[in-house]
Amino acid sequence: MAGRWGAVTVLGAAQFVMTLDSTVMNVSISTVVKDLDTTISAMQACITFYTLTMAAFMLLGAKLGDVWGRRRALVIGSIVYAVGSGTTALAPNIVVLFLGWSVIEGLGAVLVIPAIAALIADNYTGHARVTAFAVIGASSGVAVAVGPLIGGFLTTYASWRYVFAGEVVIMAIVLLFRTVVSDTGERSRIRIDLLSVLLSAAGLVLIVYGLLQTKTWGWILPTQQDISLLGLSPVPFIVGIGAVLLWLFFLRQRRLIRLGRPPLLNTAILRLRQLRAGVGSLGIQYTVTAGLFFVVPIYLQLSLGLDALSTGLRIFPLSVALVLFSILGTALARRLSPKLIARLGQFGLVLASLVLLGSIDTELNNWVFGTGMFLAGAALGLLASQLGNVTMSAVGDDELSEAGGVQGVYQNLGSSLGTALIGSVMIASLTTIFTGAVATSTLPHDVQQQITSATQGGVAVVSVADVPTIATDAGLTQDQSAQLSSLYSESQLEALRLSFAALAIVSLGAVFFSRNLPSRVLGREEDHGDAGEEDAPPATAASS
């Protein structure tokens, strides 16, 4: 393993684990809910906060990599991540799972992910760097591909806990072969600004938490009158406070630069159009991926009653296409520009969303759905093959960790927003559609009032097969229970349709970011270090 590609093999294994968790957990949602006696909304929060923890503290992780050394940050992060995985594997309830997965694993990942990006750029140059970044993208793609199958198989025939136990083993292997990864970067002797850490973390957490709560609190007008502020939903206030904190964070960084003190983030690198285009496109890519991997398994398992393995098989067209087109994108990078390849991926993502929108039926087992999932995977694969190298090629060697941190923030913020935003669209629309269907149904008026009262705080996402039992326990007759089950099933289908429509809109927004991607082929030795000098270089801007 100590040959030319030893470093990327080790780092690729670490990247594989970083991506595996979410795909495994998404296909295992219904089983974990039963095992831990919890709810879909609680699982949505866990999935969201896993990536949000990473987004909130990624800049700190990148800065610690500069202080400790990137390889040491990789080692420490791997140990912390393994502890979190072990805790998750043994979790007896949702609280311990949240602690082990959403918090401890997330904190380990904030050290590992920026270190991976910086160490790839540190160990490879020229087209070898393009290939190495594509391998890292493919590692994520392989995790997306096999995650649903591994998670589905183990969840169906053994336990989802074995996946997290296996992650402990993989991280141990990464630690064992850590010495094949070179770390030539100089360590920085700086003091990390605690206020900057708090402002950035609090701002991101509040924004995503506010969006997560839209499903129960409403966007502007309150859906629950007992939870309101000045007659409005708390959501715009929470998101607004988060935005103000992020604004204060950027003001703090500029003040630190003026005082000659090291900022948590050198905001000058955000002036680089290539970097902004790369991380913006990456954020949208992960938003779509996370949203798709949340709403589709929920429908397949709760509406259709599929087990975790069958769910993984339905997702497989996306997974295999993602891997294949990651490889194809790497080959195309020798002849085509990142901008052209990425735009093919972005328009492919819009097309895939529209195909999925047109594929919806009660069974979701038609060739149109399979085609839509394959197109989505192909589009995501093309994007994965380009965006990592685009981002890291935008800066010089002394900003690699910082750029890796920014890339990690956008990647995980995108994942958090995908689960929170698209998931909330699905759950909130389910409530609206279902209550509207009940109000216009032939159910007796007193039954309608009873259901409206019971769902005032939102409709719980439950299996369609469980609705008749729940309705009968609430005092409804057998015929009324059957009618309610039919209304609920139709409402879930319409909620999925609206979720796919939201994914199409988000996908279209990605095209906006790609306009500043490089229009030349990257990877030649002479390209390194000057790809981002479309605006002021970071060092110059920082010293002005």
Protein backbone atom coordinates (compact mmCIF):
# COMPACT_ATOMS: atom_id res chain seq x y z
CA MET A 1 0.00 0.00 0.00
CA ALA A 2 3.02 2.26 0.32
CA GLY A 3 3.23 2.86 -3.46
CA ARG A 4 2.15 5.92 -5.37
CA TRP A 5 -1.54 5.39 -4.65
CA GLY A 6 -1.16 4.26 -1.05
CA ALA A 7 -2.10 7.66 0.36
CA VAL A 8 -5.30 7.99 -1.66
CA THR A 9 -6.26 4.41 -0.74
CA VAL A 10 -6.05 5.19 2.98
CA LEU A 11 -7.78 8.54 2.60
CA GLY A 12 -10.40 7.01 0.32
CA ALA A 13 -11.20 4.42 3.02
CA ALA A 14 -11.73 7.24 5.53
CA GLN A 15 -13.93 9.12 3.04
CA PHE A 16 -15.94 5.94 2.45
CA VAL A 17 -16.82 5.74 6.15
CA MET A 18 -17.69 9.44 6.32
CA THR A 19 -20.33 8.92 3.61
CA LEU A 20 -21.55 5.45 4.57
CA ASP A 21 -23.44 6.45 7.73
CA SER A 22 -26.23 8.49 6.19
CA THR A 23 -27.01 6.06 3.38
CA VAL A 24 -27.14 3.15 5.82
CA MET A 25 -29.32 4.99 8.31
CA ASN A 26 -31.74 6.21 5.65
CA VAL A 27 -32.66 2.71 4.45
CA SER A 28 -32.86 1.52 8.07
CA ILE A 29 -35.12 4.32 9.32
CA SER A 30 -38.25 2.28 10.00
CA THR A 31 -36.31 -0.50 11.73
CA VAL A 32 -34.36 1.91 13.94
CA VAL A 33 -37.63 3.67 14.84
CA LYS A 34 -39.05 0.35 16.05
CA ASP A 35 -35.86 -0.83 17.77
CA LEU A 36 -35.43 2.39 19.74
CA ASP A 37 -39.16 3.10 20.18
CA THR A 38 -38.90 6.54 18.60
CA THR A 39 -40.43 8.52 15.69
CA ILE A 40 -39.62 9.44 12.10
CA SER A 41 -39.30 13.10 13.12
CA ALA A 42 -36.72 12.16 15.77
CA MET A 43 -34.76 10.21 13.16
CA GLN A 44 -34.96 13.17 10.78
CA ALA A 45 -33.44 15.31 13.55
CA CYS A 46 -30.63 12.79 14.12
CA ILE A 47 -29.79 12.59 10.41
CA THR A 48 -29.91 16.38 10.10
CA PHE A 49 -27.77 17.08 13.16
CA TYR A 50 -25.16 14.50 12.14
CA THR A 51 -24.26 16.57 9.10
CA LEU A 52 -25.03 19.86 10.88
CA THR A 53 -22.47 19.09 13.60
CA MET A 54 -19.92 18.67 10.83
CA ALA A 55 -20.96 21.88 9.07
CA ALA A 56 -20.98 23.91 12.31
CA PHE A 57 -17.47 22.91 13.41
CA MET A 58 -15.75 22.15 10.10
CA LEU A 59 -13.85 25.46 10.04
CA LEU A 60 -12.55 24.72 13.53
CA GLY A 61 -11.50 21.24 12.39
CA ALA A 62 -9.62 22.71 9.42
CA LYS A 63 -7.86 25.23 11.64
CA LEU A 64 -6.89 22.53 14.15
CA GLY A 65 -5.40 20.62 11.22
CA ASP A 66 -3.12 23.59 10.57
CA VAL A 67 -2.16 23.79 14.24
CA TRP A 68 -1.67 20.07 14.95
CA GLY A 69 -0.63 18.96 11.48
CA ARG A 70 -3.00 17.48 8.94
CA ARG A 71 -2.03 13.85 9.47
CA ARG A 72 -2.30 14.19 13.24
CA ALA A 73 -5.75 15.74 12.79
CA LEU A 74 -6.67 12.73 10.64
CA VAL A 75 -5.48 10.36 13.39
CA ILE A 76 -7.27 12.17 16.24
CA GLY A 77 -10.44 12.55 14.18
CA SER A 78 -10.40 8.86 13.25
CA ILE A 79 -10.16 7.87 16.91
CA VAL A 80 -13.03 10.17 17.91
CA TYR A 81 -15.12 8.92 14.99
CA ALA A 82 -14.49 5.29 15.97
CA VAL A 83 -15.62 6.03 19.53
CA GLY A 84 -18.81 7.58 18.17
CA SER A 85 -19.44 4.60 15.89
CA GLY A 86 -18.97 2.19 18.79
CA THR A 87 -21.36 4.21 20.93
CA THR A 88 -23.96 4.21 18.13
CA ALA A 89 -23.63 0.45 17.65
CA LEU A 90 -24.49 -0.08 21.33
CA ALA A 91 -27.15 2.67 21.62
CA PRO A 92 -30.12 1.51 23.77
CA ASN A 93 -32.28 4.55 22.93
CA ILE A 94 -32.55 7.57 20.64
CA VAL A 95 -30.69 9.85 23.08
CA VAL A 96 -27.56 7.68 23.08
CA LEU A 97 -27.80 7.25 19.30
CA PHE A 98 -27.99 11.04 18.93
CA LEU A 99 -24.95 11.45 21.19
CA GLY A 100 -22.86 8.77 19.49
CA TRP A 101 -23.83 9.43 15.89
CA SER A 102 -24.96 13.03 15.56
CA VAL A 103 -22.46 14.50 18.03
CA ILE A 104 -19.36 12.35 18.61
CA GLU A 105 -19.08 10.97 15.07
CA GLY A 106 -19.77 14.45 13.71
CA LEU A 107 -16.98 15.96 15.82
CA GLY A 108 -14.56 13.28 14.62
CA ALA A 109 -15.51 13.98 11.02
CA VAL A 110 -14.74 17.72 11.35
CA LEU A 111 -11.10 16.76 11.78
CA VAL A 112 -11.04 13.97 9.18
CA ILE A 113 -12.80 15.62 6.22
CA PRO A 114 -10.66 18.81 5.88
CA ALA A 115 -7.55 16.68 6.48
CA ILE A 116 -8.51 14.36 3.61
CA ALA A 117 -8.90 17.25 1.17
CA ALA A 118 -5.66 18.94 2.26
CA LEU A 119 -3.62 15.72 2.32
CA ILE A 120 -4.75 14.74 -1.18
CA ALA A 121 -3.58 18.13 -2.46
CA ASP A 122 -0.39 17.71 -0.41
CA ASN A 123 0.45 14.24 -1.78
CA TYR A 124 -0.41 14.70 -5.46
CA THR A 125 0.09 17.29 -8.22
CA GLY A 126 -0.98 17.74 -11.84
CA HIS A 127 -3.36 15.21 -13.33
CA ALA A 128 -2.52 12.77 -10.53
CA ARG A 129 -4.26 15.22 -8.21
CA VAL A 130 -7.32 15.32 -10.46
CA THR A 131 -7.38 11.52 -10.40
CA ALA A 132 -6.87 11.40 -6.62
CA PHE A 133 -9.75 13.80 -5.98
CA ALA A 134 -11.89 11.73 -8.35
CA VAL A 135 -10.99 8.64 -6.32
CA ILE A 136 -12.17 10.43 -3.17
CA GLY A 137 -15.40 11.32 -5.00
CA ALA A 138 -15.71 7.72 -6.15
CA SER A 139 -15.18 6.54 -2.56
CA SER A 140 -18.21 8.57 -1.58
CA GLY A 141 -20.00 7.17 -4.61
CA VAL A 142 -19.16 3.59 -3.65
CA ALA A 143 -20.44 4.29 -0.12
CA VAL A 144 -23.66 5.64 -1.62
CA ALA A 145 -23.83 2.57 -3.87
CA VAL A 146 -23.17 -0.17 -1.34
CA GLY A 147 -24.51 1.64 1.74
CA PRO A 148 -28.18 0.94 1.00
CA LEU A 149 -27.37 -2.69 0.12
CA ILE A 150 -25.08 -3.34 3.08
CA GLY A 151 -27.42 -1.50 5.44
CA GLY A 152 -30.46 -3.13 3.91
CA PHE A 153 -29.02 -6.65 4.10
CA LEU A 154 -27.71 -6.33 7.66
CA THR A 155 -30.84 -4.55 8.89
CA THR A 156 -33.13 -7.15 7.33
CA TYR A 157 -31.20 -10.27 8.30
CA ALA A 158 -29.16 -9.20 11.35
CA SER A 159 -29.02 -5.65 12.77
CA TRP A 160 -28.15 -2.14 11.61
CA ARG A 161 -25.77 -2.01 14.58
CA TYR A 162 -23.24 -4.17 12.74
CA VAL A 163 -22.66 -1.39 10.21
CA PHE A 164 -21.39 0.95 12.92
CA ALA A 165 -19.30 -1.82 14.44
CA GLY A 166 -17.75 -2.35 10.99
CA GLU A 167 -16.90 1.35 10.80
CA VAL A 168 -14.80 0.97 13.94
CA VAL A 169 -12.80 -1.73 12.15
CA ILE A 170 -12.29 0.39 9.00
CA MET A 171 -11.11 3.40 11.03
CA ALA A 172 -8.68 1.10 12.86
CA ILE A 173 -7.25 0.06 9.47
CA VAL A 174 -6.91 3.75 8.49
CA LEU A 175 -4.94 4.36 11.70
CA LEU A 176 -2.77 1.30 11.05
CA PHE A 177 -1.68 2.56 7.60
CA ARG A 178 -1.54 6.27 8.43
CA THR A 179 2.22 6.48 7.77
CA VAL A 180 1.79 6.01 4.00
CA VAL A 181 0.18 9.48 3.92
CA SER A 182 2.77 12.25 3.71
CA ASP A 183 2.26 15.52 5.54
CA THR A 184 4.67 18.19 4.33
CA GLY A 185 2.59 21.16 5.43
CA GLU A 186 4.01 23.45 8.08
CA ARG A 187 2.21 23.70 11.40
CA SER A 188 0.80 27.06 12.40
CA ARG A 189 1.42 28.53 15.82
CA ILE A 190 -1.80 30.46 16.22
CA ARG A 191 -4.50 31.02 18.80
CA ILE A 192 -7.96 30.01 17.62
CA ASP A 193 -10.60 32.68 18.21
CA LEU A 194 -13.32 31.11 20.38
CA LEU A 195 -15.89 33.83 19.61
CA SER A 196 -15.59 33.04 15.89
CA VAL A 197 -16.23 29.36 16.57
CA LEU A 198 -19.32 30.14 18.64
CA LEU A 199 -20.76 32.63 16.13
CA SER A 200 -20.35 30.34 13.12
CA ALA A 201 -21.63 27.23 14.91
CA ALA A 202 -24.64 28.97 16.51
CA GLY A 203 -25.58 30.70 13.26
CA LEU A 204 -25.57 27.49 11.21
CA VAL A 205 -27.38 25.48 13.89
CA LEU A 206 -30.18 28.05 14.23
CA ILE A 207 -30.75 28.31 10.46
CA VAL A 208 -30.97 24.55 9.94
CA TYR A 209 -32.99 23.99 13.12
CA GLY A 210 -35.48 26.62 12.00
CA LEU A 211 -35.89 24.94 8.62
CA LEU A 212 -36.21 21.56 10.32
CA GLN A 213 -39.13 22.85 12.40
CA THR A 214 -41.12 24.20 9.44
CA LYS A 215 -42.94 20.87 9.25
CA THR A 216 -44.62 21.47 12.61
CA TRP A 217 -44.42 25.24 13.17
CA GLY A 218 -45.10 26.47 9.63
CA TRP A 219 -42.99 28.77 7.44
CA ILE A 220 -44.55 32.17 8.19
CA LEU A 221 -47.99 31.68 9.72
CA PRO A 222 -48.10 29.35 12.73
CA THR A 223 -49.64 25.93 12.27
CA GLN A 224 -49.88 25.63 16.06
CA GLN A 225 -51.40 28.67 17.75
CA ASP A 226 -49.79 27.82 21.09
CA ILE A 227 -46.34 28.01 19.44
CA SER A 228 -46.11 31.45 17.87
CA LEU A 229 -44.25 34.72 18.22
CA LEU A 230 -45.96 38.05 17.50
CA GLY A 231 -48.64 36.07 15.71
CA LEU A 232 -46.12 34.39 13.41
CA SER A 233 -44.32 31.06 13.29
CA PRO A 234 -41.03 31.07 15.27
CA VAL A 235 -39.23 29.84 12.12
CA PRO A 236 -38.47 33.22 10.44
CA PHE A 237 -37.23 34.62 13.77
CA ILE A 238 -34.92 31.66 14.40
CA VAL A 239 -33.56 31.69 10.85
CA GLY A 240 -33.17 35.47 11.03
CA ILE A 241 -31.18 35.29 14.28
CA GLY A 242 -28.98 32.62 12.69
CA ALA A 243 -28.36 34.85 9.66
CA VAL A 244 -27.43 37.77 11.94
CA LEU A 245 -24.95 35.58 13.84
CA LEU A 246 -23.30 34.54 10.57
CA TRP A 247 -23.10 38.19 9.53
CA LEU A 248 -21.43 38.97 12.87
CA PHE A 249 -19.06 36.04 12.23
CA PHE A 250 -17.88 37.58 8.96
CA LEU A 251 -17.50 40.99 10.60
CA ARG A 252 -15.42 39.32 13.32
CA GLN A 253 -13.13 37.70 10.73
CA ARG A 254 -12.49 41.02 9.01
CA ARG A 255 -11.74 42.70 12.32
CA LEU A 256 -9.28 39.98 13.29
CA ILE A 257 -7.50 40.40 9.93
CA ARG A 258 -7.28 44.19 10.44
CA LEU A 259 -5.79 43.61 13.91
CA GLY A 260 -3.21 41.23 12.49
CA ARG A 261 -4.67 38.25 14.38
CA PRO A 262 -5.40 34.88 12.72
CA PRO A 263 -9.10 34.52 11.75
CA LEU A 264 -10.99 31.26 11.91
CA LEU A 265 -11.70 31.78 8.20
CA ASN A 266 -9.71 34.00 5.88
CA THR A 267 -12.74 35.53 4.18
CA ALA A 268 -10.54 36.61 1.27
CA ILE A 269 -10.63 33.11 -0.19
CA LEU A 270 -14.39 33.50 -0.62
CA ARG A 271 -13.64 36.24 -3.15
CA LEU A 272 -12.27 33.58 -5.48
CA ARG A 273 -14.98 32.95 -8.03
CA GLN A 274 -13.74 29.45 -8.80
CA LEU A 275 -13.88 28.45 -5.14
CA ARG A 276 -17.34 29.97 -4.67
CA ALA A 277 -18.56 28.17 -7.76
CA GLY A 278 -17.07 24.88 -6.60
CA VAL A 279 -18.42 24.89 -3.06
CA GLY A 280 -21.80 26.35 -4.10
CA SER A 281 -22.27 23.58 -6.66
CA LEU A 282 -21.11 21.03 -4.09
CA GLY A 283 -23.62 22.29 -1.53
CA ILE A 284 -26.52 21.97 -3.99
CA GLN A 285 -25.32 18.49 -5.00
CA TYR A 286 -25.42 17.28 -1.40
CA THR A 287 -28.77 19.00 -0.76
CA VAL A 288 -30.36 17.00 -3.57
CA THR A 289 -28.61 13.76 -2.56
CA ALA A 290 -29.65 14.01 1.09
CA GLY A 291 -33.22 15.02 0.23
CA LEU A 292 -33.58 12.15 -2.22
CA PHE A 293 -32.13 9.64 0.21
CA PHE A 294 -34.54 10.77 2.93
CA VAL A 295 -37.92 10.97 1.19
CA VAL A 296 -37.63 7.93 -1.09
CA PRO A 297 -36.82 5.36 1.66
CA ILE A 298 -39.59 6.78 3.87
CA TYR A 299 -42.16 6.28 1.12
CA LEU A 300 -40.86 2.84 0.14
CA GLN A 301 -40.86 1.57 3.73
CA LEU A 302 -43.89 3.29 5.22
CA SER A 303 -46.25 3.46 2.26
CA LEU A 304 -45.25 0.28 0.48
CA GLY A 305 -44.06 -1.67 3.51
CA LEU A 306 -40.72 -2.69 1.95
CA ASP A 307 -37.92 -3.95 4.18
CA ALA A 308 -34.49 -2.31 4.29
CA LEU A 309 -32.93 -4.63 1.70
CA SER A 310 -35.75 -4.15 -0.81
CA THR A 311 -35.43 -0.39 -0.26
CA GLY A 312 -31.72 -0.59 -1.00
CA LEU A 313 -32.40 -2.50 -4.23
CA ARG A 314 -34.87 0.17 -5.41
CA ILE A 315 -32.19 2.83 -4.85
CA PHE A 316 -29.47 0.74 -6.52
CA PRO A 317 -29.83 2.30 -10.04
CA LEU A 318 -28.81 5.66 -8.56
CA SER A 319 -25.94 4.11 -6.64
CA VAL A 320 -24.37 2.19 -9.51
CA ALA A 321 -24.75 5.13 -11.92
CA LEU A 322 -23.01 7.42 -9.42
CA VAL A 323 -19.94 5.17 -9.35
CA LEU A 324 -19.84 4.61 -13.13
CA PHE A 325 -20.17 8.28 -13.99
CA SER A 326 -17.62 9.31 -11.36
CA ILE A 327 -15.15 7.17 -13.30
CA LEU A 328 -16.39 8.50 -16.65
CA GLY A 329 -16.13 12.09 -15.39
CA THR A 330 -12.51 11.50 -14.40
CA ALA A 331 -11.71 10.22 -17.90
CA LEU A 332 -13.55 13.15 -19.52
CA ALA A 333 -11.56 15.60 -17.38
CA ARG A 334 -8.52 14.98 -19.64
CA ARG A 335 -10.41 16.48 -22.61
CA LEU A 336 -13.28 18.60 -21.27
CA SER A 337 -13.41 21.51 -18.84
CA PRO A 338 -14.86 21.16 -15.32
CA LYS A 339 -17.52 23.72 -16.25
CA LEU A 340 -18.84 21.64 -19.15
CA ILE A 341 -18.79 18.35 -17.20
CA ALA A 342 -20.42 19.93 -14.13
CA ARG A 343 -23.14 21.59 -16.21
CA LEU A 344 -23.91 18.27 -17.88
CA GLY A 345 -24.32 16.90 -14.35
CA GLN A 346 -26.46 19.81 -13.17
CA PHE A 347 -28.85 19.75 -16.12
CA GLY A 348 -28.92 15.97 -15.76
CA LEU A 349 -30.03 16.45 -12.15
CA VAL A 350 -32.89 18.72 -13.23
CA LEU A 351 -33.92 16.15 -15.86
CA ALA A 352 -33.75 13.35 -13.30
CA SER A 353 -35.98 15.27 -10.88
CA LEU A 354 -38.57 15.82 -13.60
CA VAL A 355 -38.45 12.15 -14.63
CA LEU A 356 -38.92 11.12 -11.00
CA LEU A 357 -41.81 13.56 -10.73
CA GLY A 358 -43.46 11.85 -13.68
CA SER A 359 -42.76 8.35 -12.38
CA ILE A 360 -44.94 8.50 -9.29
CA ASP A 361 -47.50 5.77 -8.87
CA THR A 362 -48.71 3.75 -5.91
CA GLU A 363 -46.03 1.04 -6.23
CA LEU A 364 -43.08 3.16 -7.43
CA ASN A 365 -41.80 0.08 -9.26
CA ASN A 366 -41.89 1.19 -12.91
CA TRP A 367 -39.11 1.65 -15.44
CA VAL A 368 -39.58 5.44 -15.36
CA PHE A 369 -38.70 5.56 -11.66
CA GLY A 370 -35.65 3.36 -12.27
CA THR A 371 -34.59 5.62 -15.14
CA GLY A 372 -35.00 8.72 -12.98
CA MET A 373 -32.87 7.22 -10.22
CA PHE A 374 -30.19 6.19 -12.75
CA LEU A 375 -30.14 9.70 -14.28
CA ALA A 376 -29.84 11.22 -10.79
CA GLY A 377 -26.88 8.94 -10.02
CA ALA A 378 -25.21 9.74 -13.36
CA ALA A 379 -25.57 13.48 -12.74
CA LEU A 380 -24.26 13.24 -9.19
CA GLY A 381 -21.34 11.10 -10.41
CA LEU A 382 -20.27 13.71 -12.97
CA LEU A 383 -20.39 16.41 -10.31
CA ALA A 384 -18.48 14.29 -7.78
CA SER A 385 -15.67 13.75 -10.30
CA GLN A 386 -15.01 17.49 -10.67
CA LEU A 387 -15.97 19.66 -7.73
CA GLY A 388 -13.36 18.56 -5.18
CA ASN A 389 -10.47 19.33 -7.50
CA VAL A 390 -12.06 22.60 -8.63
CA THR A 391 -12.30 23.82 -5.04
CA MET A 392 -8.81 22.80 -3.95
CA SER A 393 -7.19 24.05 -7.19
CA ALA A 394 -8.54 27.53 -6.50
CA VAL A 395 -6.05 28.20 -3.67
CA GLY A 396 -2.34 27.94 -2.98
CA ASP A 397 -0.70 25.33 -0.77
CA ASP A 398 -0.90 27.50 2.36
CA GLU A 399 -4.70 27.71 2.11
CA LEU A 400 -5.38 24.00 1.47
CA SER A 401 -6.73 23.24 4.96
CA GLU A 402 -8.87 26.35 4.94
CA ALA A 403 -10.32 25.51 1.52
CA GLY A 404 -10.91 21.93 2.70
CA GLY A 405 -12.79 23.31 5.69
CA VAL A 406 -14.97 25.57 3.54
CA GLN A 407 -15.65 22.64 1.21
CA GLY A 408 -16.65 20.49 4.20
CA VAL A 409 -18.98 23.22 5.51
CA TYR A 410 -20.85 23.50 2.22
CA GLN A 411 -20.95 19.73 1.73
CA ASN A 412 -22.43 19.01 5.15
CA LEU A 413 -24.59 22.13 5.29
CA GLY A 414 -26.05 20.97 1.98
CA SER A 415 -26.73 17.53 3.46
CA SER A 416 -28.35 19.08 6.54
CA LEU A 417 -30.53 21.37 4.45
CA GLY A 418 -31.49 18.51 2.14
CA THR A 419 -32.75 16.37 5.00
CA ALA A 420 -34.32 19.29 6.88
CA LEU A 421 -35.80 21.19 3.94
CA ILE A 422 -36.95 18.41 1.59
CA GLY A 423 -37.95 16.24 4.55
CA SER A 424 -39.98 19.09 6.00
CA VAL A 425 -41.66 19.70 2.63
CA MET A 426 -42.72 16.07 2.62
CA ILE A 427 -43.96 15.97 6.23
CA ALA A 428 -45.63 19.41 6.15
CA SER A 429 -47.36 18.73 2.82
CA LEU A 430 -48.51 15.36 4.15
CA THR A 431 -50.26 17.17 7.00
CA THR A 432 -51.88 19.76 4.71
CA ILE A 433 -52.97 17.27 2.06
CA PHE A 434 -54.28 14.70 4.54
CA THR A 435 -56.31 17.14 6.62
CA GLY A 436 -57.72 18.67 3.43
CA ALA A 437 -58.66 15.22 2.12
CA VAL A 438 -60.39 14.37 5.39
CA ALA A 439 -62.34 17.64 5.34
CA THR A 440 -63.73 16.93 1.84
CA SER A 441 -64.33 13.23 2.42
CA THR A 442 -67.61 11.44 3.14
CA LEU A 443 -66.56 10.69 6.70
CA PRO A 444 -69.10 11.86 9.32
CA HIS A 445 -68.62 15.42 10.54
CA ASP A 446 -67.83 14.36 14.10
CA VAL A 447 -65.15 11.96 12.81
CA GLN A 448 -63.65 14.75 10.68
CA GLN A 449 -63.48 17.01 13.73
CA GLN A 450 -61.88 14.24 15.76
CA ILE A 451 -59.18 13.69 13.12
CA THR A 452 -58.59 17.43 12.67
CA SER A 453 -58.14 17.85 16.40
CA ALA A 454 -55.77 14.86 16.60
CA THR A 455 -53.60 16.17 13.73
CA GLN A 456 -53.51 19.84 14.75
CA GLY A 457 -49.83 19.54 15.68
CA GLY A 458 -48.98 17.74 12.45
CA VAL A 459 -49.61 14.32 10.95
CA ALA A 460 -47.25 11.65 12.21
CA VAL A 461 -45.44 9.72 9.48
CA VAL A 462 -46.49 6.13 10.08
CA SER A 463 -46.85 2.99 7.99
CA VAL A 464 -50.01 2.88 5.89
CA ALA A 465 -50.55 -0.66 7.18
CA ASP A 466 -50.78 0.70 10.74
CA VAL A 467 -53.44 3.33 10.00
CA PRO A 468 -56.49 1.01 10.29
CA THR A 469 -55.33 -0.19 13.71
CA ILE A 470 -54.69 3.35 14.91
CA ALA A 471 -58.10 4.48 13.62
CA THR A 472 -59.92 1.53 15.19
CA ASP A 473 -58.21 2.18 18.53
CA ALA A 474 -59.46 5.78 18.27
CA GLY A 475 -63.05 4.54 18.03
CA LEU A 476 -63.64 4.60 14.26
CA THR A 477 -65.61 1.82 12.58
CA GLN A 478 -63.96 -0.68 10.26
CA ASP A 479 -65.29 1.06 7.11
CA GLN A 480 -64.19 4.47 8.39
CA SER A 481 -60.74 3.08 9.23
CA ALA A 482 -60.37 1.64 5.72
CA GLN A 483 -61.41 4.97 4.16
CA LEU A 484 -58.97 6.86 6.38
CA SER A 485 -56.17 4.49 5.39
CA SER A 486 -56.91 5.12 1.71
CA LEU A 487 -56.86 8.90 2.25
CA TYR A 488 -53.57 8.65 4.13
CA SER A 489 -51.96 6.52 1.38
CA GLU A 490 -53.04 9.01 -1.32
CA SER A 491 -51.73 11.90 0.80
CA GLN A 492 -48.32 10.25 1.16
CA LEU A 493 -48.12 9.85 -2.61
CA GLU A 494 -48.95 13.53 -3.20
CA ALA A 495 -46.44 14.57 -0.53
CA LEU A 496 -43.76 12.58 -2.36
CA ARG A 497 -44.74 14.31 -5.60
CA LEU A 498 -44.27 17.74 -3.99
CA SER A 499 -40.91 16.62 -2.58
CA PHE A 500 -39.68 15.68 -6.06
CA ALA A 501 -40.91 19.05 -7.35
CA ALA A 502 -38.88 20.77 -4.61
CA LEU A 503 -35.81 18.72 -5.64
CA ALA A 504 -36.27 19.87 -9.25
CA ILE A 505 -36.32 23.52 -8.15
CA VAL A 506 -33.21 23.08 -5.99
CA SER A 507 -31.43 21.26 -8.84
CA LEU A 508 -32.18 24.11 -11.24
CA GLY A 509 -30.65 26.54 -8.74
CA ALA A 510 -27.31 24.70 -9.03
CA VAL A 511 -26.84 26.01 -12.58
CA PHE A 512 -26.44 29.51 -11.12
CA PHE A 513 -23.26 28.48 -9.28
CA SER A 514 -21.58 26.73 -12.20
CA ARG A 515 -21.16 29.84 -14.35
CA ASN A 516 -17.78 30.58 -12.71
CA LEU A 517 -16.36 27.07 -12.88
CA PRO A 518 -13.12 26.82 -14.91
CA SER A 519 -13.62 26.74 -18.68
CA ARG A 520 -10.21 25.13 -19.27
CA VAL A 521 -9.01 21.62 -18.62
CA LEU A 522 -7.43 21.37 -15.15
CA GLY A 523 -4.68 19.01 -14.08
CA ARG A 524 -1.65 20.26 -15.97
CA GLU A 525 1.29 21.13 -13.76
CA GLU A 526 1.19 24.76 -14.85
CA ASP A 527 -2.43 25.07 -13.70
CA HIS A 528 -1.65 24.40 -10.05
CA GLY A 529 -1.82 27.37 -7.76
CA ASP A 530 -3.19 29.94 -10.19
CA ALA A 531 -6.62 28.57 -10.91
CA GLY A 532 -8.32 30.85 -8.47
CA GLU A 533 -6.70 34.18 -9.27
CA GLU A 534 -9.75 35.59 -10.98
CA ASP A 535 -10.10 38.04 -8.10
CA ALA A 536 -7.56 39.12 -5.51
CA PRO A 537 -5.39 36.23 -4.27
CA PRO A 538 -6.10 35.25 -0.66
CA ALA A 539 -2.71 36.30 0.69
CA THR A 540 -2.89 39.72 -0.94
CA ALA A 541 -6.46 40.31 0.12
CA ALA A 542 -5.78 39.23 3.65
CA SER A 543 -2.89 41.61 4.06
CA SER A 544 -4.63 44.63 2.65
